[in-house]
Amino acid sequence: MSKAKSWLRIIIELVEVFFDSSQGNKRGRTWHQHVVPYEEGWAVRREGNKRITSKHQKQSIAIRKAKTLARKYKADVIIHRENGGIRDRISYDD
């Protein structure tokens, strides 16, 4: 009985270590909004996403949309230049 109990204890400890380590490595997704050049215009994309949230002809309209989303989720707006470099960052994290 003690041998079975010790094996059970080992398995439980291994499962606990696995779950603790997997949660520690997860980086929580952010709601930061990036305004990026896209085709002939501009797009808003959530940080970490490959798909875009919305497409716009003007950068100013894309910035307005990104600000609305960032305010809602208490995140940042990262505005990129046409060459991809970062032009500005606006924080709505209260």
C-alpha atoms as a PDB file:
ATOM      1  CA  MET A   1       0.000   0.000   0.000  1.00  0.00           C
ATOM      2  CA  SER A   2       2.778   2.445   0.841  1.00  0.00           C
ATOM      3  CA  LYS A   3       4.447   1.761  -2.531  1.00  0.00           C
ATOM      4  CA  ALA A   4       1.218   2.563  -4.403  1.00  0.00           C
ATOM      5  CA  LYS A   5       0.749   5.662  -2.307  1.00  0.00           C
ATOM      6  CA  SER A   6       4.267   6.868  -3.057  1.00  0.00           C
ATOM      7  CA  TRP A   7       3.718   6.398  -6.815  1.00  0.00           C
ATOM      8  CA  LEU A   8       0.465   8.274  -6.599  1.00  0.00           C
ATOM      9  CA  ARG A   9       2.193  11.081  -4.691  1.00  0.00           C
ATOM     10  CA  ILE A  10       4.919  11.265  -7.382  1.00  0.00           C
ATOM     11  CA  ILE A  11       2.347  11.464 -10.174  1.00  0.00           C
ATOM     12  CA  ILE A  12       0.412  14.192  -8.365  1.00  0.00           C
ATOM     13  CA  GLU A  13       3.601  16.205  -7.828  1.00  0.00           C
ATOM     14  CA  LEU A  14       4.568  15.849 -11.492  1.00  0.00           C
ATOM     15  CA  VAL A  15       1.145  17.060 -12.602  1.00  0.00           C
ATOM     16  CA  GLU A  16       1.354  20.033 -10.219  1.00  0.00           C
ATOM     17  CA  VAL A  17       4.810  20.976 -11.517  1.00  0.00           C
ATOM     18  CA  PHE A  18       3.601  20.706 -15.119  1.00  0.00           C
ATOM     19  CA  PHE A  19       0.597  22.972 -14.545  1.00  0.00           C
ATOM     20  CA  ASP A  20       2.594  25.495 -12.482  1.00  0.00           C
ATOM     21  CA  SER A  21       5.297  25.774 -15.143  1.00  0.00           C
ATOM     22  CA  SER A  22       2.843  26.029 -18.045  1.00  0.00           C
ATOM     23  CA  GLN A  23       0.982  28.903 -16.386  1.00  0.00           C
ATOM     24  CA  GLY A  24       4.205  30.696 -15.518  1.00  0.00           C
ATOM     25  CA  ASN A  25       5.382  30.671 -19.147  1.00  0.00           C
ATOM     26  CA  LYS A  26       2.163  32.029 -20.584  1.00  0.00           C
ATOM     27  CA  ARG A  27       2.378  35.654 -21.458  1.00  0.00           C
ATOM     28  CA  GLY A  28      -1.020  37.205 -21.132  1.00  0.00           C
ATOM     29  CA  ARG A  29      -2.362  38.661 -24.343  1.00  0.00           C
ATOM     30  CA  THR A  30      -2.485  42.402 -24.448  1.00  0.00           C
ATOM     31  CA  TRP A  31      -5.034  44.713 -26.018  1.00  0.00           C
ATOM     32  CA  HIS A  32      -2.430  47.140 -27.361  1.00  0.00           C
ATOM     33  CA  GLN A  33      -3.535  48.479 -30.737  1.00  0.00           C
ATOM     34  CA  HIS A  34      -1.030  49.061 -33.547  1.00  0.00           C
ATOM     35  CA  VAL A  35      -1.724  51.488 -36.395  1.00  0.00           C
ATOM     36  CA  VAL A  36       0.256  50.069 -39.314  1.00  0.00           C
ATOM     37  CA  PRO A  37       0.624  50.717 -43.040  1.00  0.00           C
ATOM     38  CA  TYR A  38      -1.546  48.303 -45.016  1.00  0.00           C
ATOM     39  CA  GLU A  39      -1.843  48.016 -48.794  1.00  0.00           C
ATOM     40  CA  GLU A  40      -2.854  51.503 -50.019  1.00  0.00           C
ATOM     41  CA  GLY A  41      -3.891  52.761 -46.575  1.00  0.00           C
ATOM     42  CA  TRP A  42      -3.663  52.022 -42.879  1.00  0.00           C
ATOM     43  CA  ALA A  43      -4.866  49.281 -40.565  1.00  0.00           C
ATOM     44  CA  VAL A  44      -5.467  48.695 -36.877  1.00  0.00           C
ATOM     45  CA  ARG A  45      -4.122  45.424 -35.520  1.00  0.00           C
ATOM     46  CA  ARG A  46      -4.185  44.056 -31.995  1.00  0.00           C
ATOM     47  CA  GLU A  47      -0.739  43.232 -30.669  1.00  0.00           C
ATOM     48  CA  GLY A  48       0.101  39.605 -31.290  1.00  0.00           C
ATOM     49  CA  ASN A  49      -2.543  39.121 -33.996  1.00  0.00           C
ATOM     50  CA  LYS A  50      -1.739  38.401 -37.619  1.00  0.00           C
ATOM     51  CA  ARG A  51      -5.180  39.486 -38.795  1.00  0.00           C
ATOM     52  CA  ILE A  52      -6.099  43.130 -38.851  1.00  0.00           C
ATOM     53  CA  THR A  53      -8.985  44.578 -36.886  1.00  0.00           C
ATOM     54  CA  SER A  54      -9.947  47.268 -39.407  1.00  0.00           C
ATOM     55  CA  LYS A  55      -8.731  48.914 -42.655  1.00  0.00           C
ATOM     56  CA  HIS A  56      -8.763  52.657 -43.332  1.00  0.00           C
ATOM     57  CA  GLN A  57      -7.768  55.012 -46.126  1.00  0.00           C
ATOM     58  CA  LYS A  58      -6.314  57.629 -43.775  1.00  0.00           C
ATOM     59  CA  GLN A  59      -3.966  57.200 -40.848  1.00  0.00           C
ATOM     60  CA  SER A  60      -5.968  59.686 -38.773  1.00  0.00           C
ATOM     61  CA  ILE A  61      -9.092  57.522 -38.995  1.00  0.00           C
ATOM     62  CA  ALA A  62      -7.115  54.397 -38.072  1.00  0.00           C
ATOM     63  CA  ILE A  63      -5.680  56.236 -35.064  1.00  0.00           C
ATOM     64  CA  ARG A  64      -9.166  57.273 -33.947  1.00  0.00           C
ATOM     65  CA  LYS A  65     -10.371  53.638 -34.142  1.00  0.00           C
ATOM     66  CA  ALA A  66      -7.288  52.385 -32.279  1.00  0.00           C
ATOM     67  CA  LYS A  67      -7.783  54.989 -29.540  1.00  0.00           C
ATOM     68  CA  THR A  68     -11.397  53.901 -29.063  1.00  0.00           C
ATOM     69  CA  LEU A  69     -10.341  50.271 -28.626  1.00  0.00           C
ATOM     70  CA  ALA A  70      -7.404  51.170 -26.372  1.00  0.00           C
ATOM     71  CA  ARG A  71      -9.612  53.270 -24.075  1.00  0.00           C
ATOM     72  CA  LYS A  72     -12.107  50.419 -23.829  1.00  0.00           C
ATOM     73  CA  TYR A  73      -9.445  47.865 -22.847  1.00  0.00           C
ATOM     74  CA  LYS A  74      -7.078  50.236 -20.968  1.00  0.00           C
ATOM     75  CA  ALA A  75      -4.263  49.557 -23.411  1.00  0.00           C
ATOM     76  CA  ASP A  76      -1.791  51.459 -25.565  1.00  0.00           C
ATOM     77  CA  VAL A  77      -1.929  52.765 -29.123  1.00  0.00           C
ATOM     78  CA  ILE A  78       1.318  52.273 -31.032  1.00  0.00           C
ATOM     79  CA  ILE A  79       1.418  54.393 -34.188  1.00  0.00           C
ATOM     80  CA  HIS A  80       3.821  53.266 -36.906  1.00  0.00           C
ATOM     81  CA  ARG A  81       5.374  55.261 -39.750  1.00  0.00           C
ATOM     82  CA  GLU A  82       5.060  54.220 -43.392  1.00  0.00           C
ATOM     83  CA  ASN A  83       8.434  52.463 -43.153  1.00  0.00           C
ATOM     84  CA  GLY A  84       7.207  50.425 -40.152  1.00  0.00           C
ATOM     85  CA  GLY A  85       9.115  52.298 -37.449  1.00  0.00           C
ATOM     86  CA  ILE A  86       7.277  53.515 -34.372  1.00  0.00           C
ATOM     87  CA  ARG A  87       6.191  57.160 -34.538  1.00  0.00           C
ATOM     88  CA  ASP A  88       4.301  57.499 -31.263  1.00  0.00           C
ATOM     89  CA  ARG A  89       2.820  55.582 -28.334  1.00  0.00           C
ATOM     90  CA  ILE A  90      -0.264  56.685 -26.409  1.00  0.00           C
ATOM     91  CA  SER A  91      -1.165  54.953 -23.159  1.00  0.00           C
ATOM     92  CA  TYR A  92      -4.709  54.587 -21.835  1.00  0.00           C
ATOM     93  CA  ASP A  93      -3.647  52.340 -18.947  1.00  0.00           C
ATOM     94  CA  ASP A  94      -5.193  54.044 -15.913  1.00  0.00           C
END
